[in-house]
């Protein structure tokens, strides 16, 4: 069983193409990535509103797209695409998934992931930052 962490993309990005781990440069993304690494997972992916599942080293151009502006059918299609991408390299019924994202990013995924956790569930952005900061300061 592998441990996979999924982090949502953020609006704030560098103005040029860069690896995903560098492209998203908001405080929330930085804290989420640091926390993800502290969990020592087998792999960390970004949930990109434009590209679906993105590896940290994958170089992508900046873009302006969010799931919050998508219709329900568009979000469902996005979720199905992400699930296909996940299924190509993981076992959706056996692997453990930690999702560091808002509701729009995980709502179409969790019912297909047998073993998942949502540490940021129902937290607004400020509370997410507080939670992550506390987790990063803990030994």
Protein backbone atom coordinates (compact mmCIF):
# COMPACT_ATOMS: atom_id res chain seq x y z
CA UNK A 1 0.00 0.00 0.00
CA UNK A 2 1.36 3.38 -1.04
CA UNK A 3 0.68 6.77 0.54
CA UNK A 4 -0.20 9.51 -1.96
CA UNK A 5 -0.75 13.17 -1.09
CA UNK A 6 -2.84 15.43 -3.33
CA UNK A 7 -2.50 19.23 -3.03
CA UNK A 8 -4.78 21.66 -4.81
CA UNK A 9 -3.40 24.24 -7.17
CA UNK A 10 -3.64 27.89 -6.21
CA UNK A 11 -4.39 31.11 -8.04
CA UNK A 12 -1.04 32.68 -7.25
CA UNK A 13 1.63 31.47 -9.68
CA UNK A 14 4.92 32.53 -11.15
CA UNK A 15 4.54 34.48 -14.42
CA UNK A 16 6.57 31.90 -16.39
CA UNK A 17 6.71 28.14 -16.93
CA UNK A 18 8.22 26.20 -14.04
CA UNK A 19 8.01 22.82 -12.29
CA UNK A 20 4.69 22.57 -10.46
CA UNK A 21 6.40 22.59 -7.06
CA UNK A 22 7.76 26.06 -7.90
CA UNK A 23 5.00 27.45 -10.14
CA UNK A 24 2.39 27.68 -7.38
CA UNK A 25 3.84 30.19 -4.96
CA UNK A 26 1.07 31.09 -2.52
CA UNK A 27 1.63 30.68 1.21
CA UNK A 28 -1.13 28.05 1.32
CA UNK A 29 0.55 25.97 -1.37
CA UNK A 30 4.01 26.32 0.26
CA UNK A 31 2.63 25.21 3.65
CA UNK A 32 0.63 22.38 2.06
CA UNK A 33 3.69 21.11 0.21
CA UNK A 34 5.87 21.31 3.32
CA UNK A 35 3.24 19.41 5.33
CA UNK A 36 2.87 16.84 2.56
CA UNK A 37 6.61 16.22 2.61
CA UNK A 38 6.57 15.94 6.40
CA UNK A 39 4.10 13.06 6.01
CA UNK A 40 6.80 11.20 4.02
CA UNK A 41 4.45 9.89 1.32
CA UNK A 42 5.48 7.79 -1.62
CA UNK A 43 4.42 10.56 -3.99
CA UNK A 44 2.87 14.04 -3.98
CA UNK A 45 0.73 15.38 -6.83
CA UNK A 46 -0.90 18.72 -7.51
CA UNK A 47 -4.59 18.77 -8.40
CA UNK A 48 -4.58 21.31 -11.21
CA UNK A 49 -7.85 22.82 -12.42
CA UNK A 50 -6.42 22.93 -15.94
CA UNK A 51 -4.22 19.82 -16.16
CA UNK A 52 -5.75 17.38 -13.67
CA UNK A 53 -3.05 15.43 -11.85
CA UNK A 54 0.40 17.06 -12.06
CA UNK A 55 3.71 15.73 -10.77
CA UNK A 56 5.83 18.14 -8.74
CA UNK A 57 8.63 18.13 -11.33
CA UNK A 58 6.28 18.56 -14.30
CA UNK A 59 6.94 21.90 -16.00
CA UNK A 60 3.76 23.79 -16.80
CA UNK A 61 2.85 27.28 -17.99
CA UNK A 62 0.95 29.62 -15.68
CA UNK A 63 -2.80 29.62 -16.28
CA UNK A 64 -5.99 31.17 -14.96
CA UNK A 65 -8.50 28.42 -14.24
CA UNK A 66 -10.28 27.23 -11.11
CA UNK A 67 -12.82 24.54 -10.36
CA UNK A 68 -14.93 27.13 -8.55
CA UNK A 69 -15.85 28.70 -11.91
CA UNK A 70 -16.71 25.38 -13.58
CA UNK A 71 -20.19 23.97 -13.96
CA UNK A 72 -21.12 20.79 -12.10
CA UNK A 73 -20.76 18.68 -15.31
CA UNK A 74 -17.33 20.23 -15.97
CA UNK A 75 -16.19 19.45 -12.42
CA UNK A 76 -17.48 15.89 -12.79
CA UNK A 77 -15.51 15.48 -16.03
CA UNK A 78 -12.42 16.94 -14.32
CA UNK A 79 -12.79 14.48 -11.41
CA UNK A 80 -13.18 11.52 -13.79
CA UNK A 81 -10.02 12.59 -15.61
CA UNK A 82 -8.09 12.85 -12.32
CA UNK A 83 -9.35 9.41 -11.25
CA UNK A 84 -8.16 7.93 -14.57
CA UNK A 85 -4.76 9.56 -14.06
CA UNK A 86 -4.55 8.28 -10.48
CA UNK A 87 -5.64 4.77 -11.49
CA UNK A 88 -2.82 4.54 -14.03
CA UNK A 89 -0.20 4.66 -11.26
CA UNK A 90 -1.96 3.71 -8.05
CA UNK A 91 -4.55 1.36 -6.58
CA UNK A 92 -7.66 3.40 -5.76
CA UNK A 93 -8.98 0.69 -3.46
CA UNK A 94 -5.77 -0.07 -1.53
CA UNK A 95 -3.51 2.98 -1.54
CA UNK A 96 -3.88 5.67 1.12
CA UNK A 97 -4.68 9.19 -0.09
CA UNK A 98 -4.25 12.38 1.94
CA UNK A 99 -6.00 15.29 0.24
CA UNK A 100 -4.96 18.85 1.06
CA UNK A 101 -7.58 20.71 -0.91
CA UNK A 102 -10.93 22.42 -0.73
CA UNK A 103 -14.29 20.80 -1.31
CA UNK A 104 -14.48 21.58 -5.04
CA UNK A 105 -11.26 19.62 -5.60
CA UNK A 106 -12.10 16.50 -3.61
CA UNK A 107 -15.89 16.20 -3.88
CA UNK A 108 -15.78 14.06 -7.03
CA UNK A 109 -12.81 11.98 -5.90
CA UNK A 110 -13.37 10.70 -2.37
CA UNK A 111 -16.20 8.28 -3.11
CA UNK A 112 -13.77 6.43 -5.42
CA UNK A 113 -10.88 6.32 -2.95
CA UNK A 114 -11.35 3.60 -0.34
CA UNK A 115 -8.70 4.92 2.03
CA UNK A 116 -8.54 8.70 2.24
CA UNK A 117 -8.17 11.52 4.75
CA UNK A 118 -9.12 15.19 4.48
CA UNK A 119 -7.11 17.09 7.12
CA UNK A 120 -8.35 20.46 5.81
CA UNK A 121 -12.00 19.46 5.47
CA UNK A 122 -14.44 22.30 6.18
CA UNK A 123 -11.67 24.80 6.95
CA UNK A 124 -11.54 28.21 5.30
CA UNK A 125 -8.24 29.47 3.94
CA UNK A 126 -7.19 31.20 7.17
CA UNK A 127 -7.94 28.11 9.26
CA UNK A 128 -6.11 25.92 6.74
CA UNK A 129 -3.01 28.07 7.11
CA UNK A 130 -3.26 27.90 10.92
CA UNK A 131 -3.64 24.11 10.86
CA UNK A 132 -0.70 23.64 8.49
CA UNK A 133 1.51 26.02 10.43
CA UNK A 134 0.79 24.12 13.68
CA UNK A 135 1.51 20.79 11.98
CA UNK A 136 4.81 22.09 10.58
CA UNK A 137 5.90 23.38 14.01
CA UNK A 138 5.09 20.09 15.75
CA UNK A 139 8.02 17.68 16.22
